[in-house]
Amino acid sequence: MSQYIYHCQDCNKEFTHQHHMADAGKVEVACPHCGSKLVHQLVAAFSAVTPKKS
């Protein structure tokens, strides 16, 4: 599962939500602080650790 960062337009708070990448765009996310569905996803940095090839 991936973790996504959202911003609520009603209460102006940021929060994280976990869901599968396959569900992106299908999941209706609501703000846990005020319950609003007026949220948008923020761009977040990530890092990946891969095995070093010899």
N, C-alpha and C. Protein backbone atom coordinates (compact mmCIF):
# COMPACT_ATOMS: atom_id res chain seq x y z
N MET A 1 0.84 -1.18 0.00
CA MET A 1 0.00 0.00 0.00
C MET A 1 0.88 1.23 0.00
N SER A 2 0.40 2.25 -0.67
CA SER A 2 1.12 3.51 -0.75
C SER A 2 0.47 4.53 0.16
N GLN A 3 1.27 5.45 0.63
CA GLN A 3 0.78 6.52 1.49
C GLN A 3 0.77 7.82 0.70
N TYR A 4 -0.36 8.51 0.72
CA TYR A 4 -0.53 9.75 -0.04
C TYR A 4 -0.80 10.90 0.91
N ILE A 5 -0.36 12.10 0.54
CA ILE A 5 -0.56 13.30 1.34
C ILE A 5 -1.65 14.13 0.66
N TYR A 6 -2.62 14.57 1.47
CA TYR A 6 -3.73 15.37 0.97
C TYR A 6 -3.83 16.67 1.74
N HIS A 7 -4.45 17.67 1.12
CA HIS A 7 -4.70 18.97 1.75
C HIS A 7 -6.20 19.22 1.70
N CYS A 8 -6.77 19.57 2.86
CA CYS A 8 -8.20 19.86 2.95
C CYS A 8 -8.42 21.34 2.64
N GLN A 9 -9.32 21.63 1.72
CA GLN A 9 -9.60 23.01 1.35
C GLN A 9 -10.51 23.70 2.37
N ASP A 10 -11.26 22.93 3.15
CA ASP A 10 -12.16 23.54 4.13
C ASP A 10 -11.46 23.94 5.43
N CYS A 11 -10.69 23.03 6.02
CA CYS A 11 -10.03 23.34 7.30
C CYS A 11 -8.55 23.68 7.13
N ASN A 12 -8.03 23.58 5.89
CA ASN A 12 -6.66 23.97 5.56
C ASN A 12 -5.61 23.13 6.29
N LYS A 13 -5.90 21.85 6.51
CA LYS A 13 -4.95 20.95 7.17
C LYS A 13 -4.49 19.88 6.19
N GLU A 14 -3.28 19.38 6.44
CA GLU A 14 -2.73 18.27 5.64
C GLU A 14 -2.88 16.97 6.42
N PHE A 15 -3.06 15.87 5.68
CA PHE A 15 -3.17 14.56 6.31
C PHE A 15 -2.71 13.51 5.32
N THR A 16 -2.41 12.32 5.82
CA THR A 16 -2.00 11.22 4.97
C THR A 16 -3.11 10.18 4.90
N HIS A 17 -3.14 9.46 3.79
CA HIS A 17 -4.13 8.40 3.60
C HIS A 17 -3.44 7.27 2.84
N GLN A 18 -3.69 6.04 3.25
CA GLN A 18 -3.10 4.87 2.59
C GLN A 18 -4.13 4.16 1.74
N HIS A 19 -3.74 3.86 0.50
CA HIS A 19 -4.55 3.02 -0.36
C HIS A 19 -3.67 2.46 -1.46
N HIS A 20 -4.15 1.43 -2.13
CA HIS A 20 -3.38 0.79 -3.19
C HIS A 20 -3.29 1.70 -4.41
N MET A 21 -2.19 1.59 -5.13
CA MET A 21 -2.01 2.38 -6.34
C MET A 21 -3.10 2.09 -7.35
N ALA A 22 -3.59 0.86 -7.39
CA ALA A 22 -4.64 0.48 -8.33
C ALA A 22 -5.95 1.20 -8.03
N ASP A 23 -6.12 1.66 -6.80
CA ASP A 23 -7.34 2.36 -6.40
C ASP A 23 -7.25 3.87 -6.56
N ALA A 24 -6.11 4.37 -7.03
CA ALA A 24 -5.94 5.81 -7.20
C ALA A 24 -7.00 6.34 -8.16
N GLY A 25 -7.67 7.39 -7.75
CA GLY A 25 -8.73 7.98 -8.56
C GLY A 25 -10.09 7.35 -8.31
N LYS A 26 -10.12 6.18 -7.69
CA LYS A 26 -11.36 5.49 -7.39
C LYS A 26 -11.79 5.68 -5.95
N VAL A 27 -10.82 5.95 -5.08
CA VAL A 27 -11.07 6.09 -3.65
C VAL A 27 -11.54 7.51 -3.36
N GLU A 28 -12.63 7.62 -2.61
CA GLU A 28 -13.11 8.93 -2.19
C GLU A 28 -12.52 9.23 -0.82
N VAL A 29 -11.63 10.21 -0.76
CA VAL A 29 -10.91 10.53 0.48
C VAL A 29 -11.61 11.69 1.18
N ALA A 30 -11.81 11.54 2.48
CA ALA A 30 -12.40 12.60 3.30
C ALA A 30 -11.40 13.02 4.37
N CYS A 31 -11.43 14.28 4.73
CA CYS A 31 -10.54 14.82 5.75
C CYS A 31 -10.88 14.22 7.11
N PRO A 32 -9.88 13.67 7.82
CA PRO A 32 -10.15 13.09 9.14
C PRO A 32 -10.42 14.16 10.21
N HIS A 33 -10.07 15.42 9.93
CA HIS A 33 -10.24 16.49 10.90
C HIS A 33 -11.65 17.07 10.87
N CYS A 34 -12.19 17.32 9.65
CA CYS A 34 -13.50 17.97 9.56
C CYS A 34 -14.51 17.16 8.75
N GLY A 35 -14.06 16.09 8.08
CA GLY A 35 -14.97 15.25 7.31
C GLY A 35 -15.24 15.74 5.90
N SER A 36 -14.64 16.84 5.50
CA SER A 36 -14.86 17.40 4.18
C SER A 36 -14.29 16.49 3.09
N LYS A 37 -14.93 16.49 1.94
CA LYS A 37 -14.43 15.74 0.78
C LYS A 37 -13.79 16.67 -0.23
N LEU A 38 -13.63 17.95 0.14
CA LEU A 38 -12.95 18.92 -0.72
C LEU A 38 -11.45 18.86 -0.42
N VAL A 39 -10.81 17.79 -0.89
CA VAL A 39 -9.39 17.57 -0.65
C VAL A 39 -8.68 17.40 -1.98
N HIS A 40 -7.40 17.72 -2.01
CA HIS A 40 -6.61 17.43 -3.20
C HIS A 40 -5.27 16.84 -2.77
N GLN A 41 -4.75 15.99 -3.64
CA GLN A 41 -3.51 15.28 -3.35
C GLN A 41 -2.33 16.19 -3.60
N LEU A 42 -1.36 16.16 -2.69
CA LEU A 42 -0.13 16.94 -2.82
C LEU A 42 0.97 16.08 -3.42
N VAL A 43 1.93 16.73 -4.02
CA VAL A 43 3.09 16.03 -4.56
C VAL A 43 4.05 15.79 -3.41
N ALA A 44 4.51 14.55 -3.28
CA ALA A 44 5.42 14.20 -2.19
C ALA A 44 6.67 13.54 -2.75
N ALA A 45 7.76 13.75 -2.07
CA ALA A 45 9.01 13.10 -2.45
C ALA A 45 9.03 11.68 -1.90
N PHE A 46 9.76 10.82 -2.56
CA PHE A 46 9.90 9.46 -2.07
C PHE A 46 11.28 8.97 -2.40
N SER A 47 11.68 7.88 -1.76
CA SER A 47 12.95 7.26 -2.07
C SER A 47 12.75 5.75 -2.14
N ALA A 48 13.56 5.13 -2.92
CA ALA A 48 13.47 3.67 -3.07
C ALA A 48 14.86 3.07 -2.85
N VAL A 49 14.91 1.99 -2.14
CA VAL A 49 16.17 1.30 -1.91
C VAL A 49 16.18 0.07 -2.81
N THR A 50 17.20 -0.02 -3.63
CA THR A 50 17.33 -1.16 -4.53
C THR A 50 18.66 -1.85 -4.28
N PRO A 51 18.73 -3.11 -4.61
CA PRO A 51 20.01 -3.83 -4.42
C PRO A 51 21.07 -3.27 -5.37
N LYS A 52 22.28 -3.19 -4.87
CA LYS A 52 23.38 -2.68 -5.68
C LYS A 52 23.87 -3.81 -6.59
N LYS A 53 23.96 -3.49 -7.87
CA LYS A 53 24.44 -4.49 -8.83
C LYS A 53 25.96 -4.44 -8.91
N SER A 54 26.56 -5.61 -9.00
CA SER A 54 28.04 -5.69 -9.07
C SER A 54 28.52 -5.66 -10.48
